[in-house]
Protein backbone atom coordinates (compact mmCIF):
# COMPACT_ATOMS: atom_id res chain seq x y z
CA MET A 1 0.00 0.00 0.00
CA THR A 2 1.43 3.35 -1.07
CA LEU A 3 2.21 5.85 1.68
CA ARG A 4 1.12 9.32 0.55
CA ILE A 5 3.25 12.13 1.99
CA LEU A 6 2.98 15.93 2.01
CA LEU A 7 6.27 17.82 2.52
CA VAL A 8 6.25 21.19 4.27
CA ASP A 9 9.45 23.24 4.58
CA ASP A 10 10.34 26.81 3.63
CA HIS A 11 13.84 25.79 2.48
CA ILE A 12 13.19 24.61 -1.04
CA LEU A 13 16.56 22.90 -1.50
CA PHE A 14 16.05 20.80 1.63
CA ARG A 15 12.46 20.04 0.63
CA LYS A 16 13.50 18.87 -2.83
CA GLY A 17 16.26 16.77 -1.28
CA VAL A 18 13.81 14.97 1.00
CA ALA A 19 11.43 14.50 -1.94
CA ALA A 20 14.24 12.88 -3.94
CA VAL A 21 15.11 10.57 -1.03
CA LEU A 22 11.47 9.53 -0.64
CA ALA A 23 11.13 8.98 -4.39
CA SER A 24 13.71 6.19 -4.12
CA GLN A 25 11.10 4.09 -2.31
CA SER A 26 8.47 2.51 -4.54
CA GLU A 27 5.89 2.37 -1.75
CA ILE A 28 6.12 6.12 -1.01
CA GLN A 29 4.50 8.91 -3.03
CA VAL A 30 5.01 12.63 -2.43
CA VAL A 31 1.56 14.07 -3.16
CA GLY A 32 2.37 17.72 -2.52
CA GLU A 33 4.79 20.33 -1.22
CA ALA A 34 4.28 23.52 0.79
CA ALA A 35 6.56 26.35 1.89
CA ASP A 36 4.72 27.46 5.04
CA GLY A 37 1.87 26.60 7.38
CA VAL A 38 -0.78 28.37 5.31
CA GLU A 39 0.14 26.40 2.20
CA ALA A 40 0.34 23.23 4.32
CA ILE A 41 -3.26 23.63 5.47
CA ASP A 42 -4.44 24.22 1.89
CA GLN A 43 -2.42 21.29 0.53
CA ALA A 44 -3.63 18.99 3.31
CA ARG A 45 -7.23 19.80 2.45
CA GLU A 46 -6.59 19.20 -1.24
CA THR A 47 -4.47 16.05 -1.11
CA VAL A 48 -5.53 14.44 2.22
CA PRO A 49 -2.16 12.71 2.72
CA ASP A 50 -1.41 9.81 5.03
CA ILE A 51 1.54 11.62 6.60
CA ILE A 52 2.75 15.22 6.68
CA LEU A 53 6.45 15.91 7.25
CA MET A 54 6.53 19.49 8.50
CA ASP A 55 9.16 21.98 9.62
CA VAL A 56 8.57 24.00 12.80
CA ASN A 57 9.82 27.50 12.00
CA MET A 58 8.32 28.90 8.80
CA PRO A 59 7.01 32.30 7.61
CA ARG A 60 3.35 33.38 7.73
CA CYS A 61 2.21 30.36 9.76
CA SER A 62 4.52 28.12 11.78
CA GLY A 63 4.38 24.35 11.75
CA LEU A 64 3.15 24.42 15.34
CA GLU A 65 0.11 26.48 14.37
CA ALA A 66 -0.54 24.41 11.25
CA VAL A 67 -0.50 21.15 13.23
CA LYS A 68 -3.30 22.35 15.47
CA THR A 69 -5.48 23.46 12.54
CA ILE A 70 -4.91 20.34 10.43
CA LYS A 71 -5.46 17.95 13.34
CA ALA A 72 -8.74 19.67 14.22
CA GLU A 73 -10.01 19.16 10.68
CA MET A 74 -8.32 15.86 9.79
CA PRO A 75 -7.38 13.96 12.95
CA HIS A 76 -6.56 10.82 10.95
CA VAL A 77 -3.69 12.53 9.10
CA ARG A 78 -0.41 11.80 10.88
CA ILE A 79 1.86 14.81 11.27
CA ILE A 80 5.57 14.43 11.98
CA MET A 81 7.68 17.49 12.70
CA LEU A 82 10.99 17.37 10.79
CA THR A 83 13.18 20.15 12.14
CA VAL A 84 16.57 21.30 13.38
CA SER A 85 14.94 22.65 16.54
CA GLU A 86 15.64 20.81 19.79
CA ASN A 87 13.99 23.68 21.65
CA GLU A 88 11.81 22.26 24.43
CA TYR A 89 9.02 24.75 23.79
CA ASP A 90 8.77 23.64 20.15
CA LEU A 91 8.87 19.97 21.11
CA PHE A 92 6.24 20.15 23.84
CA THR A 93 3.96 22.51 21.94
CA ALA A 94 4.04 20.22 18.91
CA ILE A 95 3.05 17.23 21.06
CA LYS A 96 0.29 19.16 22.84
CA ASN A 97 -1.04 20.39 19.50
CA GLY A 98 -1.34 16.82 18.25
CA ALA A 99 1.89 16.02 16.39
CA ASP A 100 2.39 12.27 15.96
CA GLY A 101 6.17 12.54 15.88
CA TYR A 102 9.17 14.84 16.19
CA LEU A 103 12.30 14.12 14.19
CA LEU A 104 15.56 16.03 13.85
CA LYS A 105 16.91 16.75 10.39
CA ASN A 106 20.26 15.11 11.10
CA LEU A 107 18.81 11.60 10.77
CA GLU A 108 19.94 9.20 8.04
CA PRO A 109 17.58 8.26 5.17
CA ALA A 110 17.28 4.73 6.54
CA GLN A 111 16.20 6.15 9.89
CA LEU A 112 13.60 8.33 8.17
CA PHE A 113 12.17 5.31 6.37
CA GLU A 114 12.06 3.40 9.66
CA MET A 115 10.21 6.25 11.37
CA LEU A 116 7.74 6.47 8.49
CA ASP A 117 7.06 2.76 8.93
CA CYS A 118 6.43 3.42 12.62
CA ALA A 119 3.96 6.15 11.73
CA ARG A 120 2.27 3.87 9.19
CA ARG A 121 1.68 1.36 11.99
CA GLY A 122 0.30 4.05 14.30
CA GLU A 123 3.42 4.13 16.46
CA ALA A 124 5.36 7.19 17.62
CA ALA A 125 8.02 8.64 15.34
CA VAL A 126 10.36 10.41 17.76
CA SER A 127 14.11 10.88 17.65
CA PRO A 128 15.51 8.67 20.46
CA SER A 129 17.26 11.60 22.14
CA LEU A 130 13.89 13.33 22.58
CA ALA A 131 11.65 10.45 23.65
CA ALA A 132 12.76 10.30 27.29
CA LYS A 133 12.74 14.11 27.47
CA ILE A 134 9.05 14.15 26.54
CA LEU A 135 8.00 11.79 29.32
CA ASN A 136 10.33 13.26 31.91
CA GLU A 137 9.10 16.79 31.25
CA PHE A 138 5.41 15.93 31.22
CA ARG A 139 5.79 14.12 34.53
CA ARG A 140 5.95 17.61 36.06
CA PRO A 141 2.53 18.89 37.18
CA ASN A 142 2.81 22.22 35.36
CA LYS A 143 2.89 20.56 31.96
CA GLU A 144 -0.62 20.02 30.69
CA LEU A 145 -2.18 18.04 27.89
CA PRO A 146 -5.63 18.67 26.44
CA GLN A 147 -8.34 17.85 28.98
CA THR A 148 -9.05 14.12 28.91
CA ASN A 149 -12.54 14.38 30.42
CA GLY A 150 -11.89 10.83 31.47
CA ALA A 151 -10.14 9.04 34.28
CA ARG A 152 -8.30 5.82 34.89
CA ASN A 153 -11.59 4.17 35.87
CA ASP A 154 -12.85 4.63 32.30
CA LEU A 155 -10.18 2.25 30.99
CA THR A 156 -10.49 -1.51 31.10
CA ALA A 157 -7.78 -3.61 32.73
CA ARG A 158 -6.58 -4.69 29.28
CA GLU A 159 -6.43 -1.09 28.05
CA ILE A 160 -4.30 -0.13 31.06
CA GLN A 161 -1.97 -3.04 30.24
CA VAL A 162 -1.64 -1.78 26.67
CA LEU A 163 -1.01 1.75 27.93
CA GLU A 164 1.72 0.57 30.27
CA LEU A 165 3.48 -1.26 27.43
CA ILE A 166 3.23 1.78 25.17
CA VAL A 167 5.08 3.82 27.78
CA GLN A 168 7.74 1.10 27.97
CA GLY A 169 8.43 1.77 24.30
CA GLN A 170 6.97 -1.43 22.92
CA THR A 171 5.68 -1.57 19.36
CA ASN A 172 2.22 -2.88 18.48
CA ARG A 173 3.76 -6.21 17.50
CA GLU A 174 5.67 -6.47 20.78
CA ILE A 175 2.55 -5.58 22.76
CA ALA A 176 0.59 -8.24 20.89
CA THR A 177 3.23 -10.84 21.75
CA ALA A 178 3.43 -9.78 25.40
CA LEU A 179 -0.35 -9.98 25.87
CA SER A 180 -0.90 -12.96 23.55
CA ILE A 181 -3.37 -11.06 21.37
CA ALA A 182 -3.48 -10.12 17.69
CA GLU A 183 -1.72 -6.97 16.48
CA ASP A 184 -5.04 -5.72 15.08
CA THR A 185 -6.52 -6.11 18.56
CA VAL A 186 -3.75 -3.89 19.95
CA LYS A 187 -4.70 -1.22 17.42
CA ILE A 188 -8.34 -1.46 18.50
CA HIS A 189 -7.36 -1.08 22.16
CA LEU A 190 -5.22 1.95 21.33
CA ARG A 191 -8.06 3.55 19.38
CA ASN A 192 -10.42 2.98 22.29
CA ILE A 193 -7.90 4.45 24.75
CA LEU A 194 -7.52 7.60 22.66
CA GLU A 195 -11.29 7.98 22.26
CA LYS A 196 -11.99 7.52 25.98
CA LEU A 197 -9.30 9.97 27.04
CA HIS A 198 -9.95 12.43 24.21
CA LEU A 199 -6.31 12.34 23.18
CA GLN A 200 -4.96 12.47 19.64
CA ASN A 201 -2.10 10.03 19.44
CA ARG A 202 0.18 7.48 21.03
CA ILE A 203 2.60 10.03 22.44
CA GLN A 204 -0.12 11.88 24.32
CA ALA A 205 -1.40 8.53 25.62
CA ALA A 206 2.06 7.69 26.97
CA VAL A 207 2.32 11.09 28.62
CA TYR A 208 -1.12 10.63 30.19
CA ALA A 209 -0.04 7.27 31.61
CA VAL A 210 3.00 8.85 33.26
CA ARG A 211 0.99 11.77 34.64
CA GLN A 212 -1.67 9.45 36.08
CA GLY A 213 0.87 7.14 37.71
CA LEU A 214 -0.04 4.13 35.58
CA VAL A 215 3.61 3.19 35.11
CA HIS A 216 6.55 2.66 37.41
CA GLU A 217 9.07 5.48 37.61
CA GLY A 218 11.70 3.45 35.77
CA ASP A 219 9.45 2.79 32.80
CA ALA A 220 9.14 6.47 31.91
CA SER A 221 12.77 6.67 30.88
CA ASN A 222 12.16 4.31 27.98
CA SER A 223 11.17 5.28 24.46
CA THR A 224 7.55 5.99 23.53
CA GLY A 225 7.86 3.45 20.72
């Protein structure tokens, strides 16, 4: 199945370079390009991609603002920030606004393809150096996610198990093996968790688990998967 990608970056040379790298993969199709957040919103509406790779700092409308708008209209579209910024404000704002991943531009092409596969499977696409930082920072009480309007009691015992394993950095396949259930069943549990807690993606679910004390302190230092 072809993965349809929209590229958003105000540096045209970098954008064309990424497009060329993606074009080397037969199962990936670049369906559009945009130079800022305003164009990204328009292109997303027109092309309805599977994944958007988007820079953070751009003229007219930043990637952080565009994420919020696109996710409100098209929550099924996965948005991965692809940026040079390791600024904590950018990272945490992107996650709170609904970004499904946050990658640094210094990654190798093979790493990018791996992260796109993660996103295809509904898993988090986060540079390893940033994954622990996300959970550690959101463990602090002053860091807030969107209101969940739900509590731990709304989740079934199995859903809590899935949530715990997500925080431990396990993939859907690993969770399925650990719980002796089908991988498709894991996806259903994750969808139900997100719906019950009114969260947008796997990263926010992992953060919620840490904030609510559903995992042991040691688990939070692992990757979000």
